[in-house]
Amino acid sequence: MFTQKDTKYMKTALALAAKAKERTYPNPMVGAVIVKNGRIIGEGYHRKAGLPHAEVNAIRRAGKRCVGADMYITLEPCDHYGKTPPCTKAIIENGIRRVTFGMRDPNPITAGKGIERLKKAGIRVKIGLCKNEAERLNRKYIKFITKRLPYVTLKLAQSLDGKIAARDGSSKWISSEDSRMFVRRMRSDYDAILIGAGTAVKDDPCLLAKGGKGRNPLRIVVDSRLKMSLTSNLIKTAAKAPVLIATTHFAPTARIKKFSSVKGVEVIKTDTSKGRVALRALLKLLAEKGIVNILSEGGSALAGSLFDEALVDEIIFFISPKIIGGEYTSVRGNGVKNIKNVIKLENVEYQVLGEDILARGSVKY
């Protein structure tokens, strides 16, 4: 059905899409390539929500040469007016003769409509080239659109024996400087960073990207009784990067008012579960705010609760060649009942950072 050349062009489109580095949310990452007489005459990708889509950028580069050309797109082209006109309109008006794309768009606004529009215009359509790669690229967007929940990546730094702190609670630093720098750079790829109240109080982090020079995500603290300090680093830097505190009716009203009066700080009350913030309900609220992509950075209680509710989609563990022992395990919660019920990983990758090993994979429940 597809030739080696077809695959080559789609791989190019996928590489273009990945250049956006997750800056497009709540839109998907999309790449497009236009080919004529065996040569690429136009390339484009969607750089950011609100800016022209990949198809339009590729068409602009190809210009009048589009007539009779083939287009390779990683995702079904949109067929509705949003912040930009429908891409199907641009494809049809510029004389593209054939469109091949990687996957259908799961968004109900577009799903199948882009295909139908192109076919009605007499354009030949092929579907499913490099489908797995296209779905992998936009796995976070797919979850957001289909489940109305953010995609959650759990990041942890732990010793070789799975501990995150010594007996006295000290934990700085288990991971290497190379690993910590990697995390600071990585944060700018996420819409939000999520931590628990224990981490906010004990570690007093800033959670800024690249030392404050990158795109700083929303910083979220799950604090059911609002125990964190008004003088914490998070609150002090709220004007630089916003802070959202998720609390419950257990939090004193006076403290809620004090935190809410700080510029850049928002406090929301959520449903409760066993006296704590109901995490699934919180994630639904965040999705309604347009948060697609969350990095959870601690601590072990929050990590355990996220796993207990099957809310973790991907893990990034920094494993340091150190032995700590004791009770401070990296993931708490209820744990699995039987070894047969262990949570497995797919698409596992390993990378060496300084003396640490980075392990990354998709969670399979």
Protein backbone atom coordinates (compact mmCIF):
# COMPACT_ATOMS: atom_id res chain seq x y z
CA MET A 1 0.00 0.00 0.00
CA PHE A 2 2.81 2.42 0.88
CA THR A 3 6.23 2.62 -0.79
CA GLN A 4 9.62 3.23 0.80
CA LYS A 5 9.50 6.77 -0.58
CA ASP A 6 6.12 7.33 1.07
CA THR A 7 7.59 6.22 4.38
CA LYS A 8 10.62 8.47 3.90
CA TYR A 9 8.44 11.53 3.35
CA MET A 10 6.24 10.74 6.36
CA LYS A 11 9.30 10.27 8.56
CA THR A 12 10.39 13.75 7.48
CA ALA A 13 6.95 15.10 8.41
CA LEU A 14 7.16 13.42 11.82
CA ALA A 15 10.60 14.94 12.45
CA LEU A 16 9.21 18.37 11.53
CA ALA A 17 6.26 17.94 13.91
CA ALA A 18 8.59 17.05 16.79
CA LYS A 19 10.36 20.42 16.41
CA ALA A 20 7.41 22.06 18.16
CA LYS A 21 8.53 20.32 21.38
CA GLU A 22 5.01 20.25 22.85
CA ARG A 23 4.50 24.01 22.48
CA THR A 24 1.29 23.52 20.48
CA TYR A 25 -1.06 22.40 23.26
CA PRO A 26 -4.02 22.20 23.39
CA ASN A 27 -3.45 21.59 19.66
CA PRO A 28 -1.56 18.53 18.40
CA MET A 29 1.96 18.58 17.00
CA VAL A 30 1.74 18.26 13.22
CA GLY A 31 4.27 18.16 10.38
CA ALA A 32 3.60 18.37 6.63
CA VAL A 33 5.67 17.73 3.50
CA ILE A 34 4.70 18.51 -0.11
CA VAL A 35 6.29 16.41 -2.88
CA LYS A 36 6.27 16.86 -6.65
CA ASN A 37 8.17 14.86 -9.26
CA GLY A 38 10.03 13.00 -6.52
CA ARG A 39 11.28 16.19 -4.81
CA ILE A 40 10.22 17.92 -1.61
CA ILE A 41 8.97 21.38 -2.57
CA GLY A 42 7.45 22.49 0.73
CA GLU A 43 7.81 21.70 4.44
CA GLY A 44 6.06 23.02 7.50
CA TYR A 45 5.06 22.30 11.08
CA HIS A 46 2.68 23.76 13.64
CA ARG A 47 4.85 25.86 15.92
CA LYS A 48 2.37 27.08 18.54
CA ALA A 49 -1.38 27.28 19.22
CA GLY A 50 -2.85 30.23 17.34
CA LEU A 51 -0.18 30.24 14.64
CA PRO A 52 -0.65 28.77 11.13
CA HIS A 53 -0.92 24.99 10.95
CA ALA A 54 1.66 22.68 9.37
CA GLU A 55 -0.25 22.31 6.09
CA VAL A 56 -0.50 26.07 5.57
CA ASN A 57 3.18 26.60 6.32
CA ALA A 58 4.16 23.88 3.82
CA ILE A 59 1.81 25.31 1.15
CA ARG A 60 3.24 28.80 1.61
CA ARG A 61 6.74 27.44 0.97
CA ALA A 62 5.71 25.48 -2.11
CA GLY A 63 3.61 28.30 -3.57
CA LYS A 64 2.15 27.74 -7.06
CA ARG A 65 4.09 24.48 -7.39
CA CYS A 66 1.43 22.85 -5.17
CA VAL A 67 -0.80 22.17 -8.19
CA GLY A 68 -0.72 18.41 -8.85
CA ALA A 69 1.57 17.71 -5.88
CA ASP A 70 1.30 15.13 -3.08
CA MET A 71 1.10 16.06 0.58
CA TYR A 72 2.20 13.96 3.57
CA ILE A 73 0.74 15.00 6.94
CA THR A 74 1.21 13.34 10.32
CA LEU A 75 -2.43 13.96 11.33
CA GLU A 76 -5.78 14.30 9.56
CA PRO A 77 -6.15 17.96 8.48
CA CYS A 78 -8.69 20.06 10.35
CA ASP A 79 -11.98 21.01 8.70
CA HIS A 80 -13.26 23.73 11.03
CA TYR A 81 -12.69 27.39 11.79
CA GLY A 82 -10.86 28.04 15.06
CA LYS A 83 -8.09 30.54 15.59
CA THR A 84 -7.10 29.73 12.01
CA PRO A 85 -9.12 28.69 8.90
CA PRO A 86 -9.57 24.96 8.08
CA CYS A 87 -6.52 23.32 6.52
CA THR A 88 -8.72 21.32 4.15
CA LYS A 89 -9.69 24.60 2.49
CA ALA A 90 -6.06 25.52 1.86
CA ILE A 91 -5.26 22.04 0.52
CA ILE A 92 -8.19 22.07 -1.91
CA GLU A 93 -7.68 25.64 -3.12
CA ASN A 94 -3.99 25.09 -3.85
CA GLY A 95 -4.49 22.07 -6.12
CA ILE A 96 -2.97 19.27 -4.05
CA ARG A 97 -3.89 16.01 -5.82
CA ARG A 98 -3.19 13.42 -3.13
CA VAL A 99 -2.97 13.52 0.69
CA THR A 100 -1.41 10.80 2.86
CA PHE A 101 -1.57 11.13 6.62
CA GLY A 102 -0.45 9.14 9.62
CA MET A 103 -3.50 9.01 11.88
CA ARG A 104 -7.06 10.21 12.16
CA ASP A 105 -7.68 13.17 14.46
CA PRO A 106 -9.50 11.92 17.60
CA ASN A 107 -10.94 15.40 18.19
CA PRO A 108 -14.72 15.13 17.55
CA ILE A 109 -14.64 18.54 15.88
CA THR A 110 -12.45 17.13 13.10
CA ALA A 111 -12.62 13.29 13.30
CA GLY A 112 -13.35 11.99 9.81
CA LYS A 113 -14.55 15.35 8.53
CA GLY A 114 -11.19 16.30 7.06
CA ILE A 115 -11.08 13.02 5.14
CA GLU A 116 -14.62 13.47 3.87
CA ARG A 117 -14.02 17.05 2.74
CA LEU A 118 -10.90 16.13 0.76
CA LYS A 119 -12.55 13.14 -0.89
CA LYS A 120 -15.55 15.25 -1.93
CA ALA A 121 -13.12 17.65 -3.60
CA GLY A 122 -11.71 14.77 -5.66
CA ILE A 123 -8.45 14.49 -3.73
CA ARG A 124 -7.09 10.98 -3.24
CA VAL A 125 -6.63 10.16 0.45
CA LYS A 126 -4.48 7.47 2.07
CA ILE A 127 -4.57 6.80 5.81
CA GLY A 128 -2.32 5.05 8.33
CA LEU A 129 1.25 5.59 7.13
CA CYS A 130 3.57 5.42 10.18
CA LYS A 131 0.44 5.32 12.34
CA ASN A 132 2.20 4.04 15.48
CA GLU A 133 4.85 6.76 15.29
CA ALA A 134 2.19 9.43 14.73
CA GLU A 135 0.18 8.23 17.73
CA ARG A 136 3.30 8.05 19.90
CA LEU A 137 4.20 11.63 18.97
CA ASN A 138 0.77 12.93 20.00
CA ARG A 139 0.01 10.51 22.86
CA LYS A 140 -0.52 13.40 25.28
CA TYR A 141 -2.90 15.24 22.97
CA ILE A 142 -4.79 11.98 22.32
CA LYS A 143 -5.38 11.36 26.04
CA PHE A 144 -6.45 14.96 26.59
CA ILE A 145 -8.97 14.84 23.74
CA THR A 146 -10.37 11.36 24.37
CA LYS A 147 -10.32 11.21 28.21
CA ARG A 148 -10.59 14.92 29.05
CA LEU A 149 -7.68 14.43 31.44
CA PRO A 150 -4.09 15.73 31.28
CA TYR A 151 -1.28 13.34 30.41
CA VAL A 152 0.74 12.79 33.61
CA THR A 153 4.47 12.08 33.62
CA LEU A 154 5.90 11.08 37.01
CA LYS A 155 9.49 12.15 37.63
CA LEU A 156 11.45 10.75 40.58
CA ALA A 157 15.06 10.80 41.72
CA GLN A 158 15.96 7.76 43.79
CA SER A 159 18.85 5.64 45.03
CA LEU A 160 19.61 2.25 43.54
CA ASP A 161 17.51 0.63 46.28
CA GLY A 162 14.51 2.86 45.53
CA LYS A 163 14.83 5.40 48.35
CA ILE A 164 14.33 9.17 48.13
CA ALA A 165 15.68 10.32 51.52
CA ALA A 166 17.89 9.30 54.43
CA ARG A 167 16.54 8.43 57.89
CA ASP A 168 16.58 12.09 58.97
CA GLY A 169 14.61 13.12 55.88
CA SER A 170 17.56 14.69 54.04
CA SER A 171 17.50 14.19 50.28
CA LYS A 172 19.76 16.83 48.66
CA TRP A 173 21.18 15.60 46.54
CA ILE A 174 20.50 12.00 45.54
CA SER A 175 20.75 12.69 41.82
CA SER A 176 23.74 14.18 40.01
CA GLU A 177 24.08 17.76 38.80
CA ASP A 178 23.72 16.48 35.23
CA SER A 179 20.34 14.97 36.12
CA ARG A 180 19.15 18.11 37.88
CA MET A 181 20.12 20.27 34.91
CA PHE A 182 18.28 17.86 32.62
CA VAL A 183 15.12 18.31 34.73
CA ARG A 184 15.38 22.10 34.72
CA ARG A 185 15.54 22.06 30.92
CA MET A 186 12.78 19.47 30.67
CA ARG A 187 10.27 21.51 32.68
CA SER A 188 9.73 23.99 29.86
CA ASP A 189 8.17 21.16 27.80
CA TYR A 190 5.24 20.86 30.23
CA ASP A 191 2.12 22.91 30.81
CA ALA A 192 2.29 22.36 34.57
CA ILE A 193 4.46 20.94 37.36
CA LEU A 194 2.67 19.08 40.17
CA ILE A 195 3.93 18.48 43.71
CA GLY A 196 2.45 17.53 47.07
CA ALA A 197 2.32 19.63 50.22
CA GLY A 198 5.08 17.57 51.86
CA THR A 199 7.52 18.40 49.08
CA ALA A 200 6.49 22.07 49.13
CA VAL A 201 7.14 22.33 52.88
CA LYS A 202 10.23 20.12 53.24
CA ASP A 203 12.15 20.94 50.05
CA ASP A 204 10.82 24.49 49.42
CA PRO A 205 11.47 24.22 45.64
CA CYS A 206 11.15 26.91 42.97
CA LEU A 207 10.36 24.51 40.09
CA LEU A 208 11.45 27.01 37.45
CA ALA A 209 12.72 25.98 34.02
CA LYS A 210 16.39 26.48 33.15
CA GLY A 211 16.96 28.60 36.21
CA GLY A 212 14.07 30.87 35.20
CA LYS A 213 15.22 31.48 31.60
CA GLY A 214 12.95 29.01 29.80
CA ARG A 215 9.18 28.81 29.37
CA ASN A 216 8.00 28.45 32.94
CA PRO A 217 5.00 26.15 33.41
CA LEU A 218 2.16 26.58 35.89
CA ARG A 219 3.25 25.21 39.27
CA ILE A 220 0.60 23.26 41.15
CA VAL A 221 0.65 22.25 44.82
CA VAL A 222 -1.74 19.62 46.20
CA ASP A 223 -2.24 20.90 49.75
CA SER A 224 -5.50 19.74 51.32
CA ARG A 225 -5.01 21.76 54.53
CA LEU A 226 -2.93 24.62 53.11
CA LYS A 227 0.15 23.93 55.18
CA MET A 228 2.71 25.52 52.85
CA SER A 229 4.32 28.82 53.80
CA LEU A 230 3.41 32.24 52.47
CA THR A 231 7.15 32.94 52.34
CA SER A 232 8.01 29.82 50.33
CA ASN A 233 10.04 30.06 47.15
CA LEU A 234 6.99 29.14 45.10
CA ILE A 235 4.98 32.07 46.45
CA LYS A 236 7.95 34.45 46.23
CA THR A 237 8.33 33.70 42.52
CA ALA A 238 4.60 33.66 41.66
CA ALA A 239 4.90 36.86 39.63
CA LYS A 240 7.48 35.12 37.42
CA ALA A 241 5.57 31.84 37.03
CA PRO A 242 1.99 31.33 38.29
CA VAL A 243 1.12 29.04 41.18
CA LEU A 244 -2.11 27.10 41.64
CA ILE A 245 -2.85 25.59 45.04
CA ALA A 246 -5.41 22.79 45.14
CA THR A 247 -6.94 22.56 48.60
CA THR A 248 -10.14 21.43 50.34
CA HIS A 249 -12.71 22.66 52.85
CA PHE A 250 -10.24 21.63 55.57
CA ALA A 251 -8.09 24.68 54.75
CA PRO A 252 -8.72 27.73 56.98
CA THR A 253 -10.63 30.46 55.12
CA ALA A 254 -8.26 33.16 56.42
CA ARG A 255 -5.24 31.39 54.91
CA ILE A 256 -7.02 30.89 51.61
CA LYS A 257 -7.66 34.65 51.44
CA LYS A 258 -4.01 35.45 52.23
CA PHE A 259 -2.65 33.17 49.54
CA SER A 260 -5.23 34.34 47.00
CA SER A 261 -4.20 37.96 47.55
CA VAL A 262 -0.68 37.28 46.24
CA LYS A 263 -0.18 38.21 42.58
CA GLY A 264 0.17 35.09 40.45
CA VAL A 265 -1.38 32.74 43.03
CA GLU A 266 -4.73 31.01 42.58
CA VAL A 267 -6.34 28.80 45.22
CA ILE A 268 -9.06 26.34 44.25
CA LYS A 269 -11.13 24.04 46.45
CA THR A 270 -11.62 20.54 45.10
CA ASP A 271 -13.62 17.47 46.02
CA THR A 272 -12.12 15.31 48.74
CA SER A 273 -11.19 11.65 48.87
CA LYS A 274 -10.38 10.19 52.30
CA GLY A 275 -9.77 13.71 53.61
CA ARG A 276 -7.43 14.66 50.79
CA VAL A 277 -7.66 16.40 47.43
CA ALA A 278 -9.44 14.07 45.01
CA LEU A 279 -6.77 13.76 42.34
CA ARG A 280 -8.98 12.63 39.46
CA ALA A 281 -11.36 15.53 40.12
CA LEU A 282 -8.39 17.92 40.22
CA LEU A 283 -7.05 16.64 36.91
CA LYS A 284 -10.47 17.10 35.31
CA LEU A 285 -10.48 20.72 36.49
CA LEU A 286 -6.99 21.22 35.07
CA ALA A 287 -8.07 19.78 31.72
CA GLU A 288 -10.93 22.28 31.65
CA LYS A 289 -8.29 24.99 32.09
CA GLY A 290 -6.51 23.67 28.97
CA ILE A 291 -3.70 21.84 30.81
CA VAL A 292 -2.68 18.95 28.54
CA ASN A 293 0.67 17.88 29.88
CA ILE A 294 1.72 17.58 33.57
CA LEU A 295 5.06 16.68 35.16
CA SER A 296 4.64 15.37 38.71
CA GLU A 297 7.82 15.95 40.72
CA GLY A 298 6.92 14.64 44.16
CA GLY A 299 6.69 13.34 46.63
CA SER A 300 6.30 9.65 47.33
CA ALA A 301 2.78 9.95 48.80
CA LEU A 302 1.53 11.85 45.76
CA ALA A 303 3.28 9.38 43.45
CA GLY A 304 1.61 6.47 45.23
CA SER A 305 -1.82 8.08 45.08
CA LEU A 306 -1.45 8.79 41.36
CA PHE A 307 -0.54 5.15 40.73
CA ASP A 308 -3.36 3.89 42.98
CA GLU A 309 -5.85 5.78 40.80
CA ALA A 310 -4.15 4.75 37.54
CA LEU A 311 -3.44 8.39 36.66
CA VAL A 312 0.25 8.07 35.71
CA ASP A 313 0.86 7.73 31.97
CA GLU A 314 4.65 7.84 31.83
CA ILE A 315 7.58 7.68 34.25
CA ILE A 316 11.00 9.32 34.24
CA PHE A 317 13.19 7.90 37.02
CA PHE A 318 16.69 9.15 37.76
CA ILE A 319 18.49 6.27 39.47
CA SER A 320 21.67 7.09 41.35
CA PRO A 321 24.29 4.41 42.22
CA LYS A 322 23.81 4.89 45.97
CA ILE A 323 22.35 2.76 48.74
CA ILE A 324 20.27 4.49 51.44
CA GLY A 325 18.05 1.84 53.03
CA GLY A 326 15.29 2.68 55.48
CA GLU A 327 11.64 3.48 54.90
CA TYR A 328 11.62 6.44 52.50
CA THR A 329 10.53 4.53 49.43
CA SER A 330 10.05 6.47 46.19
CA VAL A 331 6.46 5.32 45.57
CA ARG A 332 4.11 4.81 48.49
CA GLY A 333 0.34 4.40 48.24
CA ASN A 334 -1.45 1.07 48.56
CA GLY A 335 0.80 -0.79 46.16
CA VAL A 336 -0.28 -3.83 44.15
CA LYS A 337 -2.01 -6.68 45.98
CA ASN A 338 -0.07 -9.46 44.28
CA ILE A 339 3.14 -9.65 42.26
CA LYS A 340 1.01 -10.73 39.30
CA ASN A 341 -0.56 -7.27 39.38
CA VAL A 342 2.67 -5.30 38.97
CA ILE A 343 2.46 -2.16 36.84
CA LYS A 344 4.50 -2.70 33.69
CA LEU A 345 6.24 -0.31 31.33
CA GLU A 346 6.31 -0.12 27.55
CA ASN A 347 8.64 1.72 25.16
CA VAL A 348 11.34 1.73 27.84
CA GLU A 349 14.43 3.86 27.18
CA TYR A 350 17.64 4.28 29.18
CA GLN A 351 20.14 7.11 29.19
CA VAL A 352 23.27 7.84 31.22
CA LEU A 353 23.44 11.29 32.87
CA GLY A 354 26.66 11.80 34.80
CA GLU A 355 26.75 8.88 37.24
CA ASP A 356 22.96 8.39 37.07
CA ILE A 357 20.77 6.24 34.86
CA LEU A 358 17.60 7.79 33.43
CA ALA A 359 14.84 5.22 32.90
CA ARG A 360 11.80 6.30 30.92
CA GLY A 361 8.72 4.41 29.82
CA SER A 362 4.96 4.42 29.23
CA VAL A 363 2.81 2.93 31.99
CA LYS A 364 0.65 -0.09 31.22
CA TYR A 365 -2.00 -0.91 33.82
